[in-house]
């Protein structure tokens, strides 16, 4: 099993959720986060001609745990739903998961996903 964590543009969340659900991956979590990468923030013009640099931008982190054989498919779905070709599209991290336990039933492993 693998945990897929994707840091994406907040406005792409609905597209990601819909694409994953259509492929049968309905269980996921999201967290609103702030971050920066190569984009290094943006500069806003303010009244009076001044500027304000915002170096931490709002992003959304999408997390889901999937079977090993589904990992590449999920990654491809997220990329297809998020890619704009512009800097700031996000990152995807894949980590191994040693155990999953469903609290309600006590099921373990892939049965608990």
N, C-alpha and C. Protein backbone atom coordinates (compact mmCIF):
# COMPACT_ATOMS: atom_id res chain seq x y z
N UNK A 1 0.85 -1.18 0.00
CA UNK A 1 0.00 0.00 0.00
C UNK A 1 0.89 1.23 0.00
N UNK A 2 0.37 2.30 -0.60
CA UNK A 2 1.10 3.56 -0.66
C UNK A 2 0.19 4.71 -0.30
N UNK A 3 0.79 5.71 0.33
CA UNK A 3 0.09 6.96 0.59
C UNK A 3 0.50 7.95 -0.50
N UNK A 4 -0.48 8.50 -1.17
CA UNK A 4 -0.25 9.50 -2.21
C UNK A 4 -0.66 10.84 -1.63
N UNK A 5 0.28 11.77 -1.56
CA UNK A 5 0.01 13.12 -1.08
C UNK A 5 0.27 14.08 -2.24
N UNK A 6 -0.72 14.84 -2.59
CA UNK A 6 -0.59 15.79 -3.69
C UNK A 6 -0.84 17.19 -3.16
N UNK A 7 0.10 18.09 -3.42
CA UNK A 7 -0.06 19.51 -3.10
C UNK A 7 -0.48 20.17 -4.41
N UNK A 8 -1.70 20.70 -4.44
CA UNK A 8 -2.26 21.20 -5.70
C UNK A 8 -2.81 22.61 -5.53
N UNK A 9 -3.14 23.22 -6.66
CA UNK A 9 -3.83 24.51 -6.63
C UNK A 9 -5.23 24.29 -6.06
N UNK A 10 -5.68 25.15 -5.13
CA UNK A 10 -7.00 24.95 -4.54
C UNK A 10 -8.13 24.89 -5.56
N UNK A 11 -8.02 25.63 -6.63
CA UNK A 11 -9.09 25.66 -7.63
C UNK A 11 -9.17 24.37 -8.44
N UNK A 12 -8.19 23.47 -8.32
CA UNK A 12 -8.20 22.20 -9.04
C UNK A 12 -8.75 21.05 -8.18
N UNK A 13 -9.12 21.33 -6.93
CA UNK A 13 -9.58 20.26 -6.04
C UNK A 13 -10.82 19.54 -6.58
N UNK A 14 -11.80 20.26 -7.05
CA UNK A 14 -13.02 19.62 -7.55
C UNK A 14 -12.70 18.72 -8.74
N UNK A 15 -11.85 19.16 -9.62
CA UNK A 15 -11.47 18.34 -10.78
C UNK A 15 -10.77 17.06 -10.33
N UNK A 16 -9.91 17.16 -9.32
CA UNK A 16 -9.20 15.99 -8.81
C UNK A 16 -10.18 15.03 -8.15
N UNK A 17 -11.05 15.54 -7.27
CA UNK A 17 -12.04 14.69 -6.60
C UNK A 17 -12.92 13.98 -7.61
N UNK A 18 -13.41 14.69 -8.59
CA UNK A 18 -14.30 14.11 -9.60
C UNK A 18 -13.58 13.03 -10.43
N UNK A 19 -12.35 13.32 -10.83
CA UNK A 19 -11.60 12.36 -11.65
C UNK A 19 -11.28 11.09 -10.85
N UNK A 20 -10.88 11.26 -9.59
CA UNK A 20 -10.60 10.10 -8.75
C UNK A 20 -11.87 9.29 -8.50
N UNK A 21 -12.97 9.96 -8.20
CA UNK A 21 -14.23 9.26 -7.94
C UNK A 21 -14.69 8.49 -9.17
N UNK A 22 -14.54 9.09 -10.34
CA UNK A 22 -14.94 8.43 -11.58
C UNK A 22 -14.14 7.15 -11.80
N UNK A 23 -12.89 7.13 -11.32
CA UNK A 23 -12.03 5.95 -11.46
C UNK A 23 -12.20 4.97 -10.30
N UNK A 24 -13.09 5.31 -9.35
CA UNK A 24 -13.36 4.40 -8.24
C UNK A 24 -12.59 4.67 -6.96
N UNK A 25 -11.89 5.79 -6.89
CA UNK A 25 -11.13 6.15 -5.70
C UNK A 25 -11.88 7.27 -4.97
N UNK A 26 -12.77 6.89 -4.08
CA UNK A 26 -13.62 7.88 -3.42
C UNK A 26 -13.09 8.34 -2.07
N UNK A 27 -12.29 7.53 -1.40
CA UNK A 27 -11.81 7.89 -0.07
C UNK A 27 -10.56 8.74 -0.13
N UNK A 28 -10.66 9.95 0.38
CA UNK A 28 -9.50 10.83 0.43
C UNK A 28 -9.70 11.87 1.52
N UNK A 29 -8.62 12.53 1.88
CA UNK A 29 -8.65 13.63 2.84
C UNK A 29 -8.03 14.84 2.18
N UNK A 30 -8.48 16.02 2.60
CA UNK A 30 -7.87 17.26 2.11
C UNK A 30 -7.54 18.16 3.29
N UNK A 31 -6.50 18.95 3.11
CA UNK A 31 -6.08 19.92 4.11
C UNK A 31 -5.67 21.19 3.37
N UNK A 32 -6.12 22.32 3.87
CA UNK A 32 -5.69 23.59 3.30
C UNK A 32 -4.33 23.92 3.89
N UNK A 33 -3.33 24.15 3.04
CA UNK A 33 -1.97 24.42 3.48
C UNK A 33 -1.45 25.69 2.82
N UNK A 34 -0.34 26.17 3.32
CA UNK A 34 0.37 27.29 2.71
C UNK A 34 1.76 26.77 2.34
N UNK A 35 2.27 27.19 1.19
CA UNK A 35 3.57 26.71 0.80
C UNK A 35 4.21 27.57 -0.26
N UNK A 36 5.45 27.20 -0.56
CA UNK A 36 6.16 27.87 -1.63
C UNK A 36 7.17 26.92 -2.23
N UNK A 37 7.44 27.13 -3.48
CA UNK A 37 8.41 26.31 -4.19
C UNK A 37 9.11 27.18 -5.20
N UNK A 38 9.24 26.69 -6.41
CA UNK A 38 9.90 27.48 -7.46
C UNK A 38 9.14 28.76 -7.77
N UNK A 39 7.83 28.73 -7.53
CA UNK A 39 7.01 29.90 -7.81
C UNK A 39 7.44 31.08 -6.93
N UNK A 40 7.88 30.80 -5.71
CA UNK A 40 8.41 31.79 -4.76
C UNK A 40 7.44 32.91 -4.45
N UNK A 41 6.17 32.67 -4.59
CA UNK A 41 5.19 33.68 -4.23
C UNK A 41 4.82 34.59 -5.37
N UNK A 42 4.04 35.60 -5.02
CA UNK A 42 3.59 36.58 -6.00
C UNK A 42 3.69 37.97 -5.40
N UNK A 43 3.70 38.98 -6.25
CA UNK A 43 3.78 40.37 -5.80
C UNK A 43 2.48 41.05 -6.19
N UNK A 44 1.84 41.69 -5.21
CA UNK A 44 0.59 42.41 -5.45
C UNK A 44 0.86 43.91 -5.46
N UNK A 45 0.19 44.61 -6.36
CA UNK A 45 0.23 46.07 -6.36
C UNK A 45 -0.82 46.56 -5.37
N UNK A 46 -0.46 47.53 -4.56
CA UNK A 46 -1.41 48.09 -3.59
C UNK A 46 -1.63 49.57 -3.91
N UNK A 47 -2.64 50.12 -3.27
CA UNK A 47 -2.91 51.55 -3.50
C UNK A 47 -1.69 52.39 -3.17
N UNK A 48 -1.53 53.45 -3.88
CA UNK A 48 -0.39 54.32 -3.66
C UNK A 48 0.84 53.89 -4.42
N UNK A 49 0.71 52.86 -5.25
CA UNK A 49 1.84 52.45 -6.09
C UNK A 49 2.81 51.48 -5.45
N UNK A 50 2.58 51.10 -4.20
CA UNK A 50 3.47 50.17 -3.54
C UNK A 50 3.21 48.73 -3.92
N UNK A 51 4.07 47.87 -3.46
CA UNK A 51 3.90 46.45 -3.72
C UNK A 51 4.00 45.66 -2.41
N UNK A 52 3.35 44.51 -2.39
CA UNK A 52 3.42 43.60 -1.25
C UNK A 52 3.75 42.22 -1.80
N UNK A 53 4.82 41.63 -1.28
CA UNK A 53 5.21 40.28 -1.72
C UNK A 53 4.58 39.25 -0.80
N UNK A 54 3.92 38.27 -1.39
CA UNK A 54 3.34 37.16 -0.64
C UNK A 54 4.14 35.93 -1.04
N UNK A 55 4.96 35.42 -0.10
CA UNK A 55 5.83 34.31 -0.49
C UNK A 55 5.31 32.94 -0.07
N UNK A 56 4.21 32.89 0.66
CA UNK A 56 3.57 31.62 1.00
C UNK A 56 2.18 31.65 0.38
N UNK A 57 1.92 30.72 -0.54
CA UNK A 57 0.67 30.72 -1.28
C UNK A 57 -0.26 29.62 -0.78
N UNK A 58 -1.58 29.85 -0.85
CA UNK A 58 -2.52 28.81 -0.43
C UNK A 58 -2.51 27.65 -1.42
N UNK A 59 -2.45 26.46 -0.89
CA UNK A 59 -2.50 25.23 -1.67
C UNK A 59 -3.43 24.26 -0.96
N UNK A 60 -3.78 23.18 -1.60
CA UNK A 60 -4.59 22.13 -1.00
C UNK A 60 -3.80 20.84 -1.06
N UNK A 61 -3.74 20.15 0.08
CA UNK A 61 -3.08 18.84 0.11
C UNK A 61 -4.16 17.77 0.07
N UNK A 62 -4.04 16.87 -0.90
CA UNK A 62 -4.96 15.74 -1.05
C UNK A 62 -4.18 14.49 -0.66
N UNK A 63 -4.77 13.68 0.23
CA UNK A 63 -4.10 12.47 0.70
C UNK A 63 -5.02 11.27 0.49
N UNK A 64 -4.46 10.19 -0.01
CA UNK A 64 -5.21 8.94 -0.07
C UNK A 64 -4.24 7.77 -0.03
N UNK A 65 -4.71 6.66 0.50
CA UNK A 65 -3.93 5.43 0.57
C UNK A 65 -4.53 4.45 -0.43
N UNK A 66 -3.66 3.89 -1.26
CA UNK A 66 -4.12 2.99 -2.33
C UNK A 66 -3.26 1.73 -2.36
N UNK A 67 -3.78 0.70 -3.03
CA UNK A 67 -3.01 -0.53 -3.22
C UNK A 67 -1.81 -0.22 -4.12
N UNK A 68 -0.75 -1.00 -3.96
CA UNK A 68 0.46 -0.79 -4.75
C UNK A 68 0.15 -0.72 -6.24
N UNK A 69 -0.68 -1.63 -6.72
CA UNK A 69 -0.96 -1.69 -8.16
C UNK A 69 -1.79 -0.51 -8.65
N UNK A 70 -2.41 0.26 -7.75
CA UNK A 70 -3.21 1.42 -8.15
C UNK A 70 -2.43 2.74 -8.07
N UNK A 71 -1.23 2.70 -7.53
CA UNK A 71 -0.48 3.93 -7.27
C UNK A 71 -0.24 4.75 -8.53
N UNK A 72 0.31 4.14 -9.56
CA UNK A 72 0.63 4.90 -10.78
C UNK A 72 -0.62 5.43 -11.45
N UNK A 73 -1.70 4.68 -11.39
CA UNK A 73 -2.97 5.14 -11.98
C UNK A 73 -3.48 6.38 -11.25
N UNK A 74 -3.43 6.36 -9.91
CA UNK A 74 -3.88 7.51 -9.12
C UNK A 74 -3.00 8.72 -9.40
N UNK A 75 -1.69 8.52 -9.46
CA UNK A 75 -0.77 9.62 -9.76
C UNK A 75 -1.10 10.23 -11.12
N UNK A 76 -1.33 9.39 -12.12
CA UNK A 76 -1.65 9.87 -13.46
C UNK A 76 -2.96 10.65 -13.48
N UNK A 77 -3.95 10.18 -12.73
CA UNK A 77 -5.24 10.88 -12.66
C UNK A 77 -5.06 12.27 -12.05
N UNK A 78 -4.28 12.36 -10.98
CA UNK A 78 -4.05 13.65 -10.33
C UNK A 78 -3.31 14.59 -11.27
N UNK A 79 -2.28 14.09 -11.93
CA UNK A 79 -1.53 14.94 -12.87
C UNK A 79 -2.44 15.45 -13.98
N UNK A 80 -3.25 14.57 -14.56
CA UNK A 80 -4.14 14.98 -15.65
C UNK A 80 -5.14 16.04 -15.19
N UNK A 81 -5.61 15.93 -13.94
CA UNK A 81 -6.61 16.87 -13.44
C UNK A 81 -6.00 18.20 -12.99
N UNK A 82 -4.70 18.22 -12.73
CA UNK A 82 -4.07 19.42 -12.16
C UNK A 82 -3.16 20.19 -13.10
N UNK A 83 -2.64 19.55 -14.10
CA UNK A 83 -1.60 20.19 -14.92
C UNK A 83 -2.17 21.34 -15.74
N UNK A 84 -1.62 22.52 -15.51
CA UNK A 84 -1.94 23.69 -16.33
C UNK A 84 -0.75 24.04 -17.22
N UNK A 85 0.43 23.52 -16.85
CA UNK A 85 1.64 23.86 -17.58
C UNK A 85 2.34 25.08 -17.02
N UNK A 86 1.72 25.69 -16.03
CA UNK A 86 2.30 26.88 -15.40
C UNK A 86 3.02 26.50 -14.12
N UNK A 87 3.98 27.32 -13.71
CA UNK A 87 4.66 27.10 -12.45
C UNK A 87 3.64 27.17 -11.32
N UNK A 88 3.77 26.30 -10.33
CA UNK A 88 2.83 26.29 -9.22
C UNK A 88 1.76 25.22 -9.32
N UNK A 89 1.87 24.32 -10.30
CA UNK A 89 0.88 23.25 -10.46
C UNK A 89 0.90 22.28 -9.27
N UNK A 90 2.03 22.14 -8.61
CA UNK A 90 2.08 21.31 -7.41
C UNK A 90 3.10 20.20 -7.46
N UNK A 91 3.01 19.33 -6.45
CA UNK A 91 3.91 18.19 -6.31
C UNK A 91 3.10 17.01 -5.82
N UNK A 92 3.60 15.80 -6.11
CA UNK A 92 2.99 14.57 -5.60
C UNK A 92 4.09 13.78 -4.90
N UNK A 93 3.78 13.30 -3.70
CA UNK A 93 4.69 12.48 -2.92
C UNK A 93 4.05 11.11 -2.72
N UNK A 94 4.82 10.06 -2.91
CA UNK A 94 4.33 8.70 -2.70
C UNK A 94 5.20 8.06 -1.62
N UNK A 95 4.55 7.53 -0.58
CA UNK A 95 5.25 6.90 0.54
C UNK A 95 4.64 5.53 0.82
N UNK A 96 5.47 4.56 1.23
CA UNK A 96 4.92 3.26 1.59
C UNK A 96 4.14 3.34 2.90
N UNK A 97 3.09 2.55 2.98
CA UNK A 97 2.27 2.46 4.20
C UNK A 97 2.36 1.02 4.68
N UNK A 98 2.79 0.84 5.92
CA UNK A 98 2.98 -0.52 6.42
C UNK A 98 1.71 -1.15 6.96
N UNK A 99 0.75 -0.34 7.38
CA UNK A 99 -0.47 -0.91 7.95
C UNK A 99 -1.61 0.10 7.88
N UNK A 100 -2.81 -0.40 7.61
CA UNK A 100 -4.03 0.40 7.66
C UNK A 100 -5.01 -0.39 8.51
N UNK A 101 -5.67 0.30 9.43
CA UNK A 101 -6.65 -0.34 10.31
C UNK A 101 -7.93 0.48 10.28
N UNK A 102 -9.05 -0.18 9.96
CA UNK A 102 -10.35 0.48 9.99
C UNK A 102 -10.82 0.44 11.44
N UNK A 103 -11.00 1.60 12.05
CA UNK A 103 -11.35 1.69 13.46
C UNK A 103 -12.67 1.00 13.76
N UNK A 104 -13.67 1.22 12.93
CA UNK A 104 -15.01 0.69 13.19
C UNK A 104 -15.05 -0.83 13.28
N UNK A 105 -14.33 -1.52 12.37
CA UNK A 105 -14.45 -2.98 12.28
C UNK A 105 -13.20 -3.72 12.72
N UNK A 106 -12.08 -3.03 12.78
CA UNK A 106 -10.82 -3.69 13.11
C UNK A 106 -10.15 -4.34 11.90
N UNK A 107 -10.74 -4.19 10.70
CA UNK A 107 -10.12 -4.74 9.50
C UNK A 107 -8.74 -4.14 9.32
N UNK A 108 -7.85 -4.94 8.75
CA UNK A 108 -6.46 -4.50 8.55
C UNK A 108 -6.04 -4.71 7.10
N UNK A 109 -5.02 -3.96 6.70
CA UNK A 109 -4.45 -4.12 5.37
C UNK A 109 -5.35 -3.56 4.29
N UNK A 110 -5.25 -4.15 3.10
CA UNK A 110 -6.01 -3.65 1.94
C UNK A 110 -7.51 -3.69 2.17
N UNK A 111 -7.99 -4.59 3.00
CA UNK A 111 -9.42 -4.64 3.30
C UNK A 111 -9.91 -3.38 4.01
N UNK A 112 -9.00 -2.67 4.65
CA UNK A 112 -9.35 -1.47 5.39
C UNK A 112 -9.27 -0.20 4.56
N UNK A 113 -8.75 -0.30 3.34
CA UNK A 113 -8.63 0.90 2.50
C UNK A 113 -10.00 1.35 2.05
